[in-house]
Amino acid sequence: MSKEQLHEIGQRRHEPAPGDVQALLWEIARLRAIAARADQYLIGPNSLIRDVLRRELDECACVQEQQRMREELFKKG
């Protein structure tokens, strides 16, 4: 989930909309799975495993947000 999506859910934390808890649980499960795979990949002997991890991380909303921020900083610099 993006930072904006998480913020919107946070704004409703006292009156959760249907599906908010489920969405957060799926996000947590997805992040746990990535962390578990990262642990396996980084133990591996070759760069192919790291390339797979890089592709998976590139699909994460939070990583995409960070990449856009870096791109904007480099454009201004």
Protein backbone atom coordinates (compact mmCIF):
# COMPACT_ATOMS: atom_id res chain seq x y z
CA MET A 1 0.00 0.00 0.00
CA SER A 2 1.17 3.50 -0.66
CA LYS A 3 1.90 6.01 2.08
CA GLU A 4 -1.20 7.91 0.99
CA GLN A 5 -3.42 4.82 1.30
CA LEU A 6 -2.05 4.08 4.76
CA HIS A 7 -2.58 7.70 5.79
CA GLU A 8 -6.22 7.58 4.62
CA ILE A 9 -6.82 4.45 6.69
CA GLY A 10 -5.11 6.11 9.63
CA GLN A 11 -7.50 9.03 9.38
CA ARG A 12 -10.39 6.57 9.78
CA ARG A 13 -8.78 4.61 12.61
CA HIS A 14 -11.52 5.46 15.09
CA GLU A 15 -14.25 4.61 12.61
CA PRO A 16 -12.75 1.91 10.41
CA ALA A 17 -14.41 1.46 7.06
CA PRO A 18 -15.27 -2.08 6.01
CA GLY A 19 -12.20 -3.69 4.53
CA ASP A 20 -9.59 -1.45 6.18
CA VAL A 21 -8.48 -4.08 8.65
CA GLN A 22 -8.43 -6.74 5.95
CA ALA A 23 -6.40 -4.46 3.64
CA LEU A 24 -3.88 -3.79 6.40
CA LEU A 25 -3.58 -7.48 7.23
CA TRP A 26 -2.95 -8.32 3.55
CA GLU A 27 -0.30 -5.59 3.39
CA ILE A 28 1.40 -6.96 6.50
CA ALA A 29 1.29 -10.50 5.09
CA ARG A 30 2.77 -9.29 1.79
CA LEU A 31 5.60 -7.45 3.55
CA ARG A 32 6.34 -10.45 5.76
CA ALA A 33 6.56 -12.64 2.66
CA ILE A 34 8.98 -10.21 1.00
CA ALA A 35 11.13 -10.12 4.14
CA ALA A 36 11.21 -13.92 4.29
CA ARG A 37 12.17 -14.15 0.60
CA ALA A 38 14.80 -11.43 1.03
CA ASP A 39 16.39 -13.44 3.81
CA GLN A 40 16.53 -16.50 1.54
CA TYR A 41 17.74 -14.53 -1.49
CA LEU A 42 20.55 -12.76 0.31
CA ILE A 43 21.91 -16.05 1.60
CA GLY A 44 22.11 -17.35 -1.97
CA PRO A 45 25.40 -17.60 -3.86
CA ASN A 46 24.67 -15.55 -6.97
CA SER A 47 23.33 -12.25 -8.24
CA LEU A 48 20.31 -13.84 -9.95
CA ILE A 49 18.70 -14.18 -6.54
CA ARG A 50 19.38 -10.52 -5.75
CA ASP A 51 17.90 -9.55 -9.13
CA VAL A 52 14.67 -11.37 -8.24
CA LEU A 53 14.51 -9.50 -4.94
CA ARG A 54 15.13 -6.19 -6.72
CA ARG A 55 12.21 -6.84 -9.09
CA GLU A 56 9.92 -7.71 -6.19
CA LEU A 57 10.94 -4.61 -4.25
CA ASP A 58 10.41 -2.45 -7.34
CA GLU A 59 6.75 -3.53 -7.28
CA CYS A 60 6.22 -2.24 -3.72
CA ALA A 61 4.38 1.06 -3.45
CA CYS A 62 6.69 2.37 -0.72
CA VAL A 63 9.78 1.63 -2.84
CA GLN A 64 8.17 3.29 -5.88
CA GLU A 65 7.46 6.38 -3.75
CA GLN A 66 11.09 6.51 -2.62
CA GLN A 67 12.35 6.09 -6.17
CA ARG A 68 10.15 8.98 -7.37
CA MET A 69 11.44 11.17 -4.53
CA ARG A 70 15.06 10.36 -5.44
CA GLU A 71 14.38 11.11 -9.11
CA GLU A 72 12.88 14.49 -8.20
CA LEU A 73 15.85 15.33 -5.97
CA PHE A 74 18.34 14.47 -8.72
CA LYS A 75 16.40 16.56 -11.26
CA LYS A 76 16.55 19.58 -8.94
CA GLY A 77 20.21 19.04 -8.03
